[in-house]
Amino acid sequence: PPSAQAGVTCTVSVSQVPGGEVTSVRVNSC
């Protein structure tokens, strides 16, 4: 996005099923 700055870091929680299909995503912090 245009507002993104260099060196940004985020922690993300990802839930998946066997086969790698993503079921949910939540960005905890940036």
PDB file of all heavy atoms in Angstrom:
ATOM      1  N   PRO A   1       0.835  -1.200   0.000  1.00  0.00           N
ATOM      2  CA  PRO A   1       0.000   0.000   0.000  1.00  0.00           C
ATOM      3  C   PRO A   1       0.882   1.266   0.000  1.00  0.00           C
ATOM      4  O   PRO A   1       2.038   1.211   0.396  1.00  0.00           O
ATOM      5  CB  PRO A   1      -0.802  -0.145   1.274  1.00  0.00           C
ATOM      6  CG  PRO A   1       0.061  -0.926   2.169  1.00  0.00           C
ATOM      7  CD  PRO A   1       0.827  -1.885   1.290  1.00  0.00           C
ATOM      8  N   PRO A   2       0.333   2.383  -0.430  1.00  0.00           N
ATOM      9  CA  PRO A   2       1.144   3.608  -0.483  1.00  0.00           C
ATOM     10  C   PRO A   2       1.643   4.046   0.880  1.00  0.00           C
ATOM     11  O   PRO A   2       2.696   4.681   1.001  1.00  0.00           O
ATOM     12  CB  PRO A   2       0.185   4.633  -1.067  1.00  0.00           C
ATOM     13  CG  PRO A   2      -0.829   3.834  -1.812  1.00  0.00           C
ATOM     14  CD  PRO A   2      -0.967   2.566  -1.061  1.00  0.00           C
ATOM     15  N   SER A   3       0.908   3.695   1.941  1.00  0.00           N
ATOM     16  CA  SER A   3       1.304   4.152   3.282  1.00  0.00           C
ATOM     17  C   SER A   3       2.380   3.292   3.902  1.00  0.00           C
ATOM     18  O   SER A   3       2.874   3.595   4.986  1.00  0.00           O
ATOM     19  CB  SER A   3       0.084   4.179   4.212  1.00  0.00           C
ATOM     20  OG  SER A   3      -0.474   2.887   4.316  1.00  0.00           O
ATOM     21  N   ALA A   4       2.714   2.188   3.245  1.00  0.00           N
ATOM     22  CA  ALA A   4       3.699   1.285   3.830  1.00  0.00           C
ATOM     23  C   ALA A   4       5.075   1.921   3.799  1.00  0.00           C
ATOM     24  O   ALA A   4       5.429   2.585   2.834  1.00  0.00           O
ATOM     25  CB  ALA A   4       3.686  -0.042   3.103  1.00  0.00           C
ATOM     26  N   GLN A   5       5.826   1.700   4.819  1.00  0.00           N
ATOM     27  CA  GLN A   5       7.179   2.221   4.919  1.00  0.00           C
ATOM     28  C   GLN A   5       8.166   1.068   4.844  1.00  0.00           C
ATOM     29  O   GLN A   5       7.819  -0.084   5.106  1.00  0.00           O
ATOM     30  CB  GLN A   5       7.366   2.995   6.236  1.00  0.00           C
ATOM     31  CG  GLN A   5       6.454   4.197   6.395  1.00  0.00           C
ATOM     32  CD  GLN A   5       6.612   4.865   7.750  1.00  0.00           C
ATOM     33  OE1 GLN A   5       7.457   4.471   8.574  1.00  0.00           O
ATOM     34  NE2 GLN A   5       5.828   5.927   7.986  1.00  0.00           N
ATOM     35  N   ALA A   6       9.386   1.396   4.519  1.00  0.00           N
ATOM     36  CA  ALA A   6      10.416   0.376   4.432  1.00  0.00           C
ATOM     37  C   ALA A   6      10.748  -0.109   5.820  1.00  0.00           C
ATOM     38  O   ALA A   6      10.738   0.647   6.797  1.00  0.00           O
ATOM     39  CB  ALA A   6      11.653   0.940   3.741  1.00  0.00           C
ATOM     40  N   GLY A   7      11.069  -1.420   5.922  1.00  0.00           N
ATOM     41  CA  GLY A   7      11.435  -2.014   7.197  1.00  0.00           C
ATOM     42  C   GLY A   7      10.260  -2.308   8.103  1.00  0.00           C
ATOM     43  O   GLY A   7      10.433  -2.556   9.312  1.00  0.00           O
ATOM     44  N   VAL A   8       9.017  -2.361   7.544  1.00  0.00           N
ATOM     45  CA  VAL A   8       7.840  -2.681   8.353  1.00  0.00           C
ATOM     46  C   VAL A   8       7.848  -4.162   8.740  1.00  0.00           C
ATOM     47  O   VAL A   8       8.292  -5.019   7.955  1.00  0.00           O
ATOM     48  CB  VAL A   8       6.544  -2.306   7.610  1.00  0.00           C
ATOM     49  CG1 VAL A   8       6.343  -3.175   6.385  1.00  0.00           C
ATOM     50  CG2 VAL A   8       5.357  -2.418   8.542  1.00  0.00           C
ATOM     51  N   THR A   9       7.331  -4.466   9.929  1.00  0.00           N
ATOM     52  CA  THR A   9       7.266  -5.858  10.418  1.00  0.00           C
ATOM     53  C   THR A   9       5.898  -6.095  11.055  1.00  0.00           C
ATOM     54  O   THR A   9       5.433  -5.278  11.850  1.00  0.00           O
ATOM     55  CB  THR A   9       8.356  -6.129  11.446  1.00  0.00           C
ATOM     56  OG1 THR A   9       9.637  -5.844  10.845  1.00  0.00           O
ATOM     57  CG2 THR A   9       8.327  -7.577  11.913  1.00  0.00           C
ATOM     58  N   CYS A  10       5.300  -7.294  10.698  1.00  0.00           N
ATOM     59  CA  CYS A  10       3.984  -7.681  11.277  1.00  0.00           C
ATOM     60  C   CYS A  10       4.040  -9.135  11.723  1.00  0.00           C
ATOM     61  O   CYS A  10       4.683  -9.977  11.094  1.00  0.00           O
ATOM     62  CB  CYS A  10       2.876  -7.501  10.248  1.00  0.00           C
ATOM     63  SG  CYS A  10       2.604  -5.801   9.727  1.00  0.00           S
ATOM     64  N   THR A  11       3.308  -9.416  12.838  1.00  0.00           N
ATOM     65  CA  THR A  11       3.125 -10.817  13.277  1.00  0.00           C
ATOM     66  C   THR A  11       1.718 -11.248  12.865  1.00  0.00           C
ATOM     67  O   THR A  11       0.731 -10.549  13.122  1.00  0.00           O
ATOM     68  CB  THR A  11       3.274 -10.947  14.799  1.00  0.00           C
ATOM     69  OG1 THR A  11       2.343 -10.100  15.429  1.00  0.00           O
ATOM     70  CG2 THR A  11       4.695 -10.540  15.219  1.00  0.00           C
ATOM     71  N   VAL A  12       1.667 -12.427  12.207  1.00  0.00           N
ATOM     72  CA  VAL A  12       0.415 -12.887  11.616  1.00  0.00           C
ATOM     73  C   VAL A  12       0.121 -14.300  12.111  1.00  0.00           C
ATOM     74  O   VAL A  12       1.013 -15.160  12.149  1.00  0.00           O
ATOM     75  CB  VAL A  12       0.502 -12.863  10.086  1.00  0.00           C
ATOM     76  CG1 VAL A  12      -0.843 -13.254   9.463  1.00  0.00           C
ATOM     77  CG2 VAL A  12       0.949 -11.503   9.584  1.00  0.00           C
ATOM     78  N   SER A  13      -1.191 -14.537  12.502  1.00  0.00           N
ATOM     79  CA  SER A  13      -1.664 -15.890  12.865  1.00  0.00           C
ATOM     80  C   SER A  13      -2.429 -16.452  11.680  1.00  0.00           C
ATOM     81  O   SER A  13      -3.395 -15.842  11.205  1.00  0.00           O
ATOM     82  CB  SER A  13      -2.570 -15.836  14.086  1.00  0.00           C
ATOM     83  OG  SER A  13      -1.844 -15.390  15.203  1.00  0.00           O
ATOM     84  N   VAL A  14      -2.019 -17.659  11.250  1.00  0.00           N
ATOM     85  CA  VAL A  14      -2.611 -18.268  10.071  1.00  0.00           C
ATOM     86  C   VAL A  14      -3.101 -19.670  10.447  1.00  0.00           C
ATOM     87  O   VAL A  14      -2.363 -20.441  11.063  1.00  0.00           O
ATOM     88  CB  VAL A  14      -1.606 -18.341   8.911  1.00  0.00           C
ATOM     89  CG1 VAL A  14      -2.254 -19.009   7.689  1.00  0.00           C
ATOM     90  CG2 VAL A  14      -1.081 -16.968   8.557  1.00  0.00           C
ATOM     91  N   SER A  15      -4.344 -19.976  10.056  1.00  0.00           N
ATOM     92  CA  SER A  15      -4.891 -21.336  10.243  1.00  0.00           C
ATOM     93  C   SER A  15      -5.050 -21.972   8.885  1.00  0.00           C
ATOM     94  O   SER A  15      -5.567 -21.353   7.945  1.00  0.00           O
ATOM     95  CB  SER A  15      -6.241 -21.282  10.958  1.00  0.00           C
ATOM     96  OG  SER A  15      -6.075 -20.763  12.255  1.00  0.00           O
ATOM     97  N   GLN A  16      -4.612 -23.265   8.793  1.00  0.00           N
ATOM     98  CA  GLN A  16      -4.672 -23.979   7.530  1.00  0.00           C
ATOM     99  C   GLN A  16      -5.107 -25.401   7.762  1.00  0.00           C
ATOM    100  O   GLN A  16      -5.142 -25.888   8.887  1.00  0.00           O
ATOM    101  CB  GLN A  16      -3.300 -23.955   6.851  1.00  0.00           C
ATOM    102  CG  GLN A  16      -2.229 -24.697   7.647  1.00  0.00           C
ATOM    103  CD  GLN A  16      -0.907 -24.799   6.929  1.00  0.00           C
ATOM    104  OE1 GLN A  16      -0.811 -24.575   5.702  1.00  0.00           O
ATOM    105  NE2 GLN A  16       0.161 -25.134   7.652  1.00  0.00           N
ATOM    106  N   VAL A  17      -5.468 -26.089   6.707  1.00  0.00           N
ATOM    107  CA  VAL A  17      -5.834 -27.508   6.742  1.00  0.00           C
ATOM    108  C   VAL A  17      -4.766 -28.261   5.973  1.00  0.00           C
ATOM    109  O   VAL A  17      -3.983 -27.663   5.216  1.00  0.00           O
ATOM    110  CB  VAL A  17      -7.230 -27.713   6.113  1.00  0.00           C
ATOM    111  CG1 VAL A  17      -8.298 -27.047   6.955  1.00  0.00           C
ATOM    112  CG2 VAL A  17      -7.264 -27.227   4.685  1.00  0.00           C
ATOM    113  N   PRO A  18      -4.711 -29.591   6.173  1.00  0.00           N
ATOM    114  CA  PRO A  18      -3.736 -30.351   5.389  1.00  0.00           C
ATOM    115  C   PRO A  18      -3.920 -30.079   3.899  1.00  0.00           C
ATOM    116  O   PRO A  18      -5.030 -30.097   3.398  1.00  0.00           O
ATOM    117  CB  PRO A  18      -4.048 -31.797   5.752  1.00  0.00           C
ATOM    118  CG  PRO A  18      -4.623 -31.719   7.118  1.00  0.00           C
ATOM    119  CD  PRO A  18      -5.407 -30.432   7.130  1.00  0.00           C
ATOM    120  N   GLY A  19      -2.826 -29.819   3.261  1.00  0.00           N
ATOM    121  CA  GLY A  19      -2.868 -29.416   1.861  1.00  0.00           C
ATOM    122  C   GLY A  19      -2.543 -27.956   1.691  1.00  0.00           C
ATOM    123  O   GLY A  19      -2.349 -27.482   0.570  1.00  0.00           O
ATOM    124  N   GLY A  20      -2.492 -27.172   2.796  1.00  0.00           N
ATOM    125  CA  GLY A  20      -2.089 -25.797   2.756  1.00  0.00           C
ATOM    126  C   GLY A  20      -3.189 -24.795   2.536  1.00  0.00           C
ATOM    127  O   GLY A  20      -2.917 -23.592   2.434  1.00  0.00           O
ATOM    128  N   GLU A  21      -4.484 -25.212   2.486  1.00  0.00           N
ATOM    129  CA  GLU A  21      -5.589 -24.276   2.269  1.00  0.00           C
ATOM    130  C   GLU A  21      -5.776 -23.411   3.517  1.00  0.00           C
ATOM    131  O   GLU A  21      -5.949 -23.905   4.628  1.00  0.00           O
ATOM    132  CB  GLU A  21      -6.874 -25.029   1.975  1.00  0.00           C
ATOM    133  CG  GLU A  21      -8.020 -24.142   1.580  1.00  0.00           C
ATOM    134  CD  GLU A  21      -7.818 -23.550   0.189  1.00  0.00           C
ATOM    135  OE1 GLU A  21      -7.102 -24.160  -0.631  1.00  0.00           O
ATOM    136  OE2 GLU A  21      -8.383 -22.484  -0.074  1.00  0.00           O
ATOM    137  N   VAL A  22      -5.719 -22.083   3.332  1.00  0.00           N
ATOM    138  CA  VAL A  22      -5.848 -21.137   4.441  1.00  0.00           C
ATOM    139  C   VAL A  22      -7.319 -21.002   4.807  1.00  0.00           C
ATOM    140  O   VAL A  22      -8.173 -20.783   3.941  1.00  0.00           O
ATOM    141  CB  VAL A  22      -5.251 -19.776   4.076  1.00  0.00           C
ATOM    142  CG1 VAL A  22      -5.461 -18.777   5.208  1.00  0.00           C
ATOM    143  CG2 VAL A  22      -3.755 -19.911   3.756  1.00  0.00           C
ATOM    144  N   THR A  23      -7.629 -21.108   6.095  1.00  0.00           N
ATOM    145  CA  THR A  23      -9.019 -20.989   6.566  1.00  0.00           C
ATOM    146  C   THR A  23      -9.267 -19.672   7.292  1.00  0.00           C
ATOM    147  O   THR A  23     -10.396 -19.184   7.299  1.00  0.00           O
ATOM    148  CB  THR A  23      -9.354 -22.156   7.501  1.00  0.00           C
ATOM    149  OG1 THR A  23      -8.423 -22.159   8.588  1.00  0.00           O
ATOM    150  CG2 THR A  23      -9.278 -23.490   6.763  1.00  0.00           C
ATOM    151  N   SER A  24      -8.227 -19.103   7.938  1.00  0.00           N
ATOM    152  CA  SER A  24      -8.405 -17.810   8.615  1.00  0.00           C
ATOM    153  C   SER A  24      -7.051 -17.121   8.740  1.00  0.00           C
ATOM    154  O   SER A  24      -6.016 -17.784   8.809  1.00  0.00           O
ATOM    155  CB  SER A  24      -9.038 -17.996   9.984  1.00  0.00           C
ATOM    156  OG  SER A  24      -8.145 -18.687  10.836  1.00  0.00           O
ATOM    157  N   VAL A  25      -7.132 -15.739   8.811  1.00  0.00           N
ATOM    158  CA  VAL A  25      -5.924 -14.923   8.943  1.00  0.00           C
ATOM    159  C   VAL A  25      -6.221 -13.827   9.944  1.00  0.00           C
ATOM    160  O   VAL A  25      -7.309 -13.235   9.925  1.00  0.00           O
ATOM    161  CB  VAL A  25      -5.492 -14.316   7.595  1.00  0.00           C
ATOM    162  CG1 VAL A  25      -4.243 -13.440   7.784  1.00  0.00           C
ATOM    163  CG2 VAL A  25      -5.241 -15.395   6.565  1.00  0.00           C
ATOM    164  N   ARG A  26      -5.261 -13.538  10.837  1.00  0.00           N
ATOM    165  CA  ARG A  26      -5.406 -12.410  11.755  1.00  0.00           C
ATOM    166  C   ARG A  26      -4.035 -11.773  11.949  1.00  0.00           C
ATOM    167  O   ARG A  26      -3.088 -12.462  12.345  1.00  0.00           O
ATOM    168  CB  ARG A  26      -5.958 -12.873  13.105  1.00  0.00           C
ATOM    169  CG  ARG A  26      -6.226 -11.676  14.026  1.00  0.00           C
ATOM    170  CD  ARG A  26      -6.813 -12.127  15.371  1.00  0.00           C
ATOM    171  NE  ARG A  26      -5.819 -12.774  16.217  1.00  0.00           N
ATOM    172  CZ  ARG A  26      -5.779 -14.074  16.452  1.00  0.00           C
ATOM    173  NH1 ARG A  26      -6.692 -14.879  15.893  1.00  0.00           N
ATOM    174  NH2 ARG A  26      -4.857 -14.606  17.222  1.00  0.00           N
ATOM    175  N   VAL A  27      -3.983 -10.462  11.634  1.00  0.00           N
ATOM    176  CA  VAL A  27      -2.749  -9.695  11.843  1.00  0.00           C
ATOM    177  C   VAL A  27      -2.751  -9.247  13.287  1.00  0.00           C
ATOM    178  O   VAL A  27      -3.596  -8.449  13.701  1.00  0.00           O
ATOM    179  CB  VAL A  27      -2.654  -8.489  10.881  1.00  0.00           C
ATOM    180  CG1 VAL A  27      -1.377  -7.691  11.166  1.00  0.00           C
ATOM    181  CG2 VAL A  27      -2.680  -8.967   9.446  1.00  0.00           C
ATOM    182  N   ASN A  28      -1.835  -9.765  14.079  1.00  0.00           N
ATOM    183  CA  ASN A  28      -1.805  -9.458  15.501  1.00  0.00           C
ATOM    184  C   ASN A  28      -1.251  -8.056  15.764  1.00  0.00           C
ATOM    185  O   ASN A  28      -1.849  -7.296  16.551  1.00  0.00           O
ATOM    186  CB  ASN A  28      -0.968 -10.498  16.247  1.00  0.00           C
ATOM    187  CG  ASN A  28      -1.576 -11.902  16.138  1.00  0.00           C
ATOM    188  OD1 ASN A  28      -2.785 -12.053  16.126  1.00  0.00           O
ATOM    189  ND2 ASN A  28      -0.725 -12.914  16.041  1.00  0.00           N
ATOM    190  N   SER A  29      -0.140  -7.725  15.128  1.00  0.00           N
ATOM    191  CA  SER A  29       0.466  -6.407  15.361  1.00  0.00           C
ATOM    192  C   SER A  29       1.411  -6.079  14.207  1.00  0.00           C
ATOM    193  O   SER A  29       1.867  -6.973  13.492  1.00  0.00           O
ATOM    194  CB  SER A  29       1.239  -6.393  16.699  1.00  0.00           C
ATOM    195  OG  SER A  29       2.317  -7.309  16.631  1.00  0.00           O
ATOM    196  N   CYS A  30       1.654  -4.789  14.054  1.00  0.00           N
ATOM    197  CA  CYS A  30       2.604  -4.299  13.057  1.00  0.00           C
ATOM    198  C   CYS A  30       3.501  -3.236  13.708  1.00  0.00           C
ATOM    199  O   CYS A  30       3.118  -2.614  14.714  1.00  0.00           O
ATOM    200  CB  CYS A  30       1.898  -3.693  11.855  1.00  0.00           C
ATOM    201  SG  CYS A  30       1.031  -4.931  10.839  1.00  0.00           S
TER     202      CYS A  30
END
